[in-house]
Amino acid sequence: MSGLVLGACLALSLLVPPSLEGRSAGLRQVPRRPDPETYHWVLPAQHSGVTVVELHPNDCYAIQRAEGMVYFGEPPPGVLKLQYQLGEPRSHLVGGQDEHPECLLARCFDMSRLSDAITDRLLESGNRPHRRLAGHRPTPLDNMQGGVYSDVGSDDRPRYRQAPEQRMAYLHLGTAGRGNCYEAKVPRTLTLHIRDHQQRTDRTGVYSGYLYVEHHHAAPAGRVAISRTGGPVLELALSRATEPKLDAESRRPIALAPRNALALTPALLQREREWLERRVD
């Protein structure tokens, strides 16, 4: 009789489903990636740089847009008064997941109008050889000056030396145009700087834009320590498919989020052409 009772108890125990608490514990073990982020940054020309974001290992990043103009000569009349109104460098997270992000804050609109006013003065009164757009590709003909670059941990961030941790904006834009981005290998802080080996303090104008970050790590529990160590940065493909792909260099799967090609062309190129045409007429 006792054997029948034990057998019935064993059968009932096999039919009882796992507790909800046990199932919840299992779900908590699945890592969740943070959503992709876009940062709006503003770098007035008189400052050495702007801190944008702290990257985690395997984060994928690229300058999505780079706009504005900086003048590498004696400030034209009326520009300095406007320049001082730009204030300090700044960066902040932009809400939403729009493929063509825009900062809709009132201060961003004010900054845009001020930037346009300064650019108009530089186009009207400044010498063309001293003007540089944010996506400028320096050459020996222009004294290798101008354009914005990213730094993810070099020994001397404000000075461009073609270090592995430094990349010009035109390289970012070209990489983004191919649907690619750069991967951080260790925790590091990303800053942006103006390329100027003379380290002029009388530069005028402003660079601004948007930086896209795609997270390839679990959501962190706390702040990641800043590291100034560097190393090579890999270029990885951004895919519209969500299936894991293999990185050609490390041969490991990387799950990539859907995203279209990034906006690249600055409107200032067209504005400068129109101004030159007016001068010819």
Protein backbone atom coordinates (compact mmCIF):
# COMPACT_ATOMS: atom_id res chain seq x y z
CA MET A 1 0.00 0.00 0.00
CA SER A 2 2.82 2.40 0.92
CA GLY A 3 4.47 1.69 -2.44
CA LEU A 4 1.35 2.77 -4.29
CA VAL A 5 1.24 6.04 -2.32
CA LEU A 6 4.90 6.83 -3.09
CA GLY A 7 4.33 6.09 -6.76
CA ALA A 8 1.35 8.44 -6.93
CA CYS A 9 3.32 11.23 -5.24
CA LEU A 10 6.18 10.82 -7.73
CA ALA A 11 3.79 11.00 -10.70
CA LEU A 12 2.18 14.17 -9.36
CA SER A 13 5.58 15.83 -8.86
CA LEU A 14 6.47 15.20 -12.51
CA LEU A 15 3.24 16.85 -13.66
CA VAL A 16 3.76 20.10 -11.67
CA PRO A 17 5.21 22.89 -13.94
CA PRO A 18 8.24 24.94 -12.87
CA SER A 19 7.44 27.88 -10.65
CA LEU A 20 7.05 31.34 -12.09
CA GLU A 21 9.91 32.46 -9.90
CA GLY A 22 12.23 29.93 -11.52
CA ARG A 23 11.16 30.99 -15.01
CA SER A 24 11.72 34.67 -14.18
CA ALA A 25 15.19 33.89 -12.89
CA GLY A 26 15.99 32.23 -16.20
CA LEU A 27 14.73 35.23 -18.16
CA ARG A 28 16.88 37.60 -16.11
CA GLN A 29 19.98 35.77 -17.34
CA VAL A 30 19.38 36.83 -20.96
CA PRO A 31 21.47 40.00 -21.61
CA ARG A 32 19.65 42.95 -23.18
CA ARG A 33 21.45 45.41 -25.43
CA PRO A 34 20.83 49.14 -24.99
CA ASP A 35 19.08 50.87 -27.87
CA PRO A 36 21.22 52.70 -30.47
CA GLU A 37 21.92 56.33 -29.59
CA THR A 38 22.54 59.55 -31.51
CA TYR A 39 24.44 62.45 -29.96
CA HIS A 40 24.28 66.05 -31.11
CA TRP A 41 27.57 67.91 -30.60
CA VAL A 42 28.66 71.55 -30.98
CA LEU A 43 32.31 72.65 -31.06
CA PRO A 44 32.96 76.43 -31.26
CA ALA A 45 36.27 77.14 -32.99
CA GLN A 46 37.97 78.85 -30.04
CA HIS A 47 37.84 75.63 -27.97
CA SER A 48 40.15 72.62 -28.22
CA GLY A 49 37.52 69.88 -28.16
CA VAL A 50 34.22 68.45 -26.94
CA THR A 51 33.53 65.21 -25.04
CA VAL A 52 30.68 63.28 -26.65
CA VAL A 53 30.24 59.77 -25.22
CA GLU A 54 31.84 56.94 -23.30
CA LEU A 55 32.15 53.81 -25.42
CA HIS A 56 32.03 50.21 -24.22
CA PRO A 57 33.91 47.30 -25.83
CA ASN A 58 32.37 46.33 -29.18
CA ASP A 59 30.33 49.53 -29.49
CA CYS A 60 30.01 50.59 -33.12
CA TYR A 61 30.19 54.34 -33.86
CA ALA A 62 30.42 56.83 -36.73
CA ILE A 63 30.04 60.56 -37.27
CA GLN A 64 26.68 60.68 -38.97
CA ARG A 65 26.72 64.35 -40.00
CA ALA A 66 29.35 67.10 -39.78
CA GLU A 67 28.43 70.70 -40.54
CA GLY A 68 29.72 74.22 -40.09
CA MET A 69 32.74 76.32 -41.01
CA VAL A 70 35.89 77.40 -39.16
CA TYR A 71 38.11 80.33 -40.18
CA PHE A 72 41.90 80.02 -39.77
CA GLY A 73 42.81 83.67 -40.17
CA GLU A 74 42.38 87.04 -38.54
CA PRO A 75 38.70 87.30 -37.59
CA PRO A 76 36.67 89.36 -40.09
CA PRO A 77 34.80 92.44 -38.75
CA GLY A 78 31.74 91.68 -36.65
CA VAL A 79 32.52 87.98 -36.21
CA LEU A 80 34.03 88.06 -32.71
CA LYS A 81 30.88 89.50 -31.14
CA LEU A 82 28.88 86.62 -32.56
CA GLN A 83 31.61 84.11 -31.72
CA TYR A 84 31.46 84.86 -27.99
CA GLN A 85 27.74 84.08 -28.00
CA LEU A 86 28.46 80.46 -28.92
CA GLY A 87 29.59 79.68 -25.39
CA GLU A 88 31.13 76.38 -24.35
CA PRO A 89 31.33 73.13 -26.35
CA ARG A 90 28.43 70.80 -25.65
CA SER A 91 26.96 67.44 -26.56
CA HIS A 92 23.73 65.70 -25.63
CA LEU A 93 21.62 62.68 -26.48
CA VAL A 94 18.97 63.16 -29.16
CA GLY A 95 15.69 61.37 -28.56
CA GLY A 96 14.08 59.01 -31.07
CA GLN A 97 15.52 56.65 -33.67
CA ASP A 98 15.10 58.80 -36.78
CA GLU A 99 17.53 58.03 -39.59
CA HIS A 100 18.03 61.78 -40.08
CA PRO A 101 18.10 63.10 -36.50
CA GLU A 102 17.51 66.73 -35.62
CA CYS A 103 17.82 68.46 -32.28
CA LEU A 104 14.44 70.10 -31.64
CA LEU A 105 15.42 71.96 -28.47
CA ALA A 106 15.08 75.74 -28.47
CA ARG A 107 18.78 76.18 -27.71
CA CYS A 108 19.64 74.07 -30.78
CA PHE A 109 17.57 76.35 -33.01
CA ASP A 110 19.26 79.38 -31.47
CA MET A 111 22.68 77.82 -32.03
CA SER A 112 21.82 77.00 -35.64
CA ARG A 113 20.78 80.59 -36.36
CA LEU A 114 23.94 81.91 -34.70
CA SER A 115 26.11 79.47 -36.67
CA ASP A 116 24.45 80.56 -39.93
CA ALA A 117 25.06 84.22 -39.09
CA ILE A 118 28.77 83.58 -38.42
CA THR A 119 29.12 81.53 -41.61
CA ASP A 120 27.51 84.31 -43.66
CA ARG A 121 30.05 86.80 -42.26
CA LEU A 122 32.92 84.44 -43.06
CA LEU A 123 31.65 83.98 -46.62
CA GLU A 124 31.22 87.72 -47.13
CA SER A 125 34.37 89.10 -45.48
CA GLY A 126 36.83 86.24 -44.98
CA ASN A 127 39.48 85.02 -47.39
CA ARG A 128 38.50 81.76 -49.03
CA PRO A 129 41.87 79.98 -48.39
CA HIS A 130 41.26 80.37 -44.64
CA ARG A 131 37.80 78.77 -44.61
CA ARG A 132 37.40 75.08 -43.76
CA LEU A 133 34.21 72.99 -43.65
CA ALA A 134 33.73 70.34 -40.96
CA GLY A 135 34.23 67.50 -43.45
CA HIS A 136 37.37 69.10 -44.92
CA ARG A 137 40.13 66.78 -46.13
CA PRO A 138 43.43 68.59 -45.37
CA THR A 139 46.25 68.69 -47.93
CA PRO A 140 49.74 70.27 -47.99
CA LEU A 141 48.24 73.07 -50.10
CA ASP A 142 46.10 74.24 -47.16
CA ASN A 143 48.78 73.67 -44.52
CA MET A 144 47.07 70.44 -43.38
CA GLN A 145 44.57 72.43 -41.33
CA GLY A 146 40.84 72.25 -40.85
CA GLY A 147 38.12 69.70 -40.41
CA VAL A 148 37.02 67.87 -37.30
CA TYR A 149 38.42 64.54 -36.08
CA SER A 150 37.48 61.98 -33.44
CA ASP A 151 39.81 60.70 -30.74
CA VAL A 152 39.23 57.58 -28.65
CA GLY A 153 42.24 57.60 -26.35
CA SER A 154 45.42 59.00 -27.92
CA ASP A 155 48.20 60.44 -25.74
CA ASP A 156 47.58 64.01 -26.97
CA ARG A 157 43.96 64.39 -28.04
CA PRO A 158 43.97 68.08 -29.10
CA ARG A 159 46.87 67.51 -31.54
CA TYR A 160 46.23 65.46 -34.69
CA ARG A 161 49.10 63.02 -35.38
CA GLN A 162 47.44 60.31 -37.49
CA ALA A 163 47.34 58.08 -34.41
CA PRO A 164 45.29 54.86 -34.64
CA GLU A 165 42.84 56.39 -32.16
CA GLN A 166 42.24 59.46 -34.36
CA ARG A 167 40.01 59.65 -37.44
CA MET A 168 39.06 62.64 -39.56
CA ALA A 169 35.39 63.38 -40.15
CA TYR A 170 35.70 62.83 -43.90
CA LEU A 171 36.82 59.25 -43.12
CA HIS A 172 33.81 58.78 -40.83
CA LEU A 173 31.48 60.11 -43.51
CA GLY A 174 32.99 57.89 -46.17
CA THR A 175 32.74 54.88 -43.87
CA ALA A 176 29.13 55.69 -43.00
CA GLY A 177 28.36 56.13 -46.70
CA ARG A 178 29.39 52.51 -47.24
CA GLY A 179 27.05 51.44 -44.44
CA ASN A 180 29.95 50.83 -42.04
CA CYS A 181 31.10 52.04 -38.63
CA TYR A 182 34.10 51.76 -36.28
CA GLU A 183 34.28 49.33 -33.35
CA ALA A 184 35.69 50.20 -29.95
CA LYS A 185 37.82 47.37 -28.56
CA VAL A 186 38.15 48.63 -24.97
CA PRO A 187 36.28 51.14 -22.76
CA ARG A 188 37.19 54.61 -23.96
CA THR A 189 35.92 58.19 -24.12
CA LEU A 190 35.19 59.68 -27.55
CA THR A 191 36.08 63.34 -28.03
CA LEU A 192 36.01 65.58 -31.10
CA HIS A 193 38.63 68.19 -32.02
CA ILE A 194 39.55 70.69 -34.74
CA ARG A 195 42.62 69.78 -36.75
CA ASP A 196 45.10 72.62 -36.30
CA HIS A 197 48.80 71.91 -35.75
CA GLN A 198 49.36 75.58 -34.93
CA GLN A 199 46.82 75.39 -32.08
CA ARG A 200 45.49 78.88 -32.91
CA THR A 201 43.40 80.56 -30.24
CA ASP A 202 41.87 83.15 -32.60
CA ARG A 203 39.91 80.70 -34.75
CA THR A 204 36.33 81.68 -35.47
CA GLY A 205 33.31 79.69 -36.58
CA VAL A 206 31.80 76.48 -35.30
CA TYR A 207 31.58 72.79 -36.19
CA SER A 208 28.57 70.69 -35.22
CA GLY A 209 26.96 67.41 -36.12
CA TYR A 210 25.64 64.04 -35.01
CA LEU A 211 27.40 60.90 -33.79
CA TYR A 212 25.68 57.51 -34.05
CA VAL A 213 26.46 54.75 -31.53
CA GLU A 214 25.24 51.16 -31.85
CA HIS A 215 25.72 49.10 -28.70
CA HIS A 216 27.03 45.55 -29.01
CA HIS A 217 27.16 44.80 -25.29
CA ALA A 218 24.75 44.02 -22.49
CA ALA A 219 23.17 46.97 -20.70
CA PRO A 220 25.76 48.02 -18.05
CA ALA A 221 24.84 48.08 -14.39
CA GLY A 222 26.92 51.21 -13.77
CA ARG A 223 29.36 53.69 -15.27
CA VAL A 224 32.31 52.26 -17.19
CA ALA A 225 35.75 53.52 -16.20
CA ILE A 226 37.46 55.85 -18.67
CA SER A 227 40.52 54.40 -20.39
CA ARG A 228 43.12 56.38 -22.34
CA THR A 229 44.61 53.25 -23.86
CA GLY A 230 44.31 53.01 -27.61
CA GLY A 231 44.81 50.49 -30.37
CA PRO A 232 43.54 49.78 -33.86
CA VAL A 233 39.87 50.45 -34.54
CA LEU A 234 38.08 48.03 -36.85
CA GLU A 235 35.56 49.07 -39.48
CA LEU A 236 32.43 46.92 -39.31
CA ALA A 237 29.47 46.70 -41.66
CA LEU A 238 26.08 48.08 -40.61
CA SER A 239 23.42 45.83 -42.10
CA ARG A 240 19.67 46.17 -42.65
CA ALA A 241 19.37 42.49 -41.67
CA THR A 242 19.17 41.47 -38.01
CA GLU A 243 20.80 38.05 -38.46
CA PRO A 244 24.30 37.70 -36.96
CA LYS A 245 27.16 38.35 -39.40
CA LEU A 246 30.82 37.41 -39.18
CA ASP A 247 33.46 40.06 -38.71
CA ALA A 248 36.04 39.38 -41.43
CA GLU A 249 38.93 40.10 -39.04
CA SER A 250 37.93 38.33 -35.83
CA ARG A 251 35.55 35.76 -37.41
CA ARG A 252 32.98 36.12 -34.66
CA PRO A 253 29.23 36.78 -34.96
CA ILE A 254 28.07 40.38 -34.57
CA ALA A 255 24.32 41.02 -34.44
CA LEU A 256 23.68 44.28 -36.24
CA ALA A 257 20.56 46.44 -36.01
CA PRO A 258 18.67 47.62 -39.10
CA ARG A 259 19.74 51.01 -40.41
CA ASN A 260 19.81 52.77 -43.75
CA ALA A 261 22.67 54.80 -45.18
CA LEU A 262 23.56 57.89 -43.16
CA ALA A 263 23.12 61.48 -44.35
CA LEU A 264 26.47 62.93 -45.39
CA THR A 265 26.37 66.03 -47.58
CA PRO A 266 26.70 69.39 -45.74
CA ALA A 267 24.49 72.19 -46.99
CA LEU A 268 27.35 74.67 -46.67
CA LEU A 269 28.90 73.50 -49.93
CA GLN A 270 25.83 74.67 -51.82
CA ARG A 271 25.68 77.92 -49.84
CA GLU A 272 29.30 78.70 -50.70
CA ARG A 273 28.68 78.01 -54.40
CA GLU A 274 25.64 80.32 -54.40
CA TRP A 275 27.63 83.08 -52.68
CA LEU A 276 30.44 82.78 -55.25
CA GLU A 277 27.92 82.94 -58.10
CA ARG A 278 26.45 86.14 -56.63
CA ARG A 279 29.93 87.65 -56.46
CA VAL A 280 30.57 86.84 -60.13
CA ASP A 281 27.26 88.42 -61.19
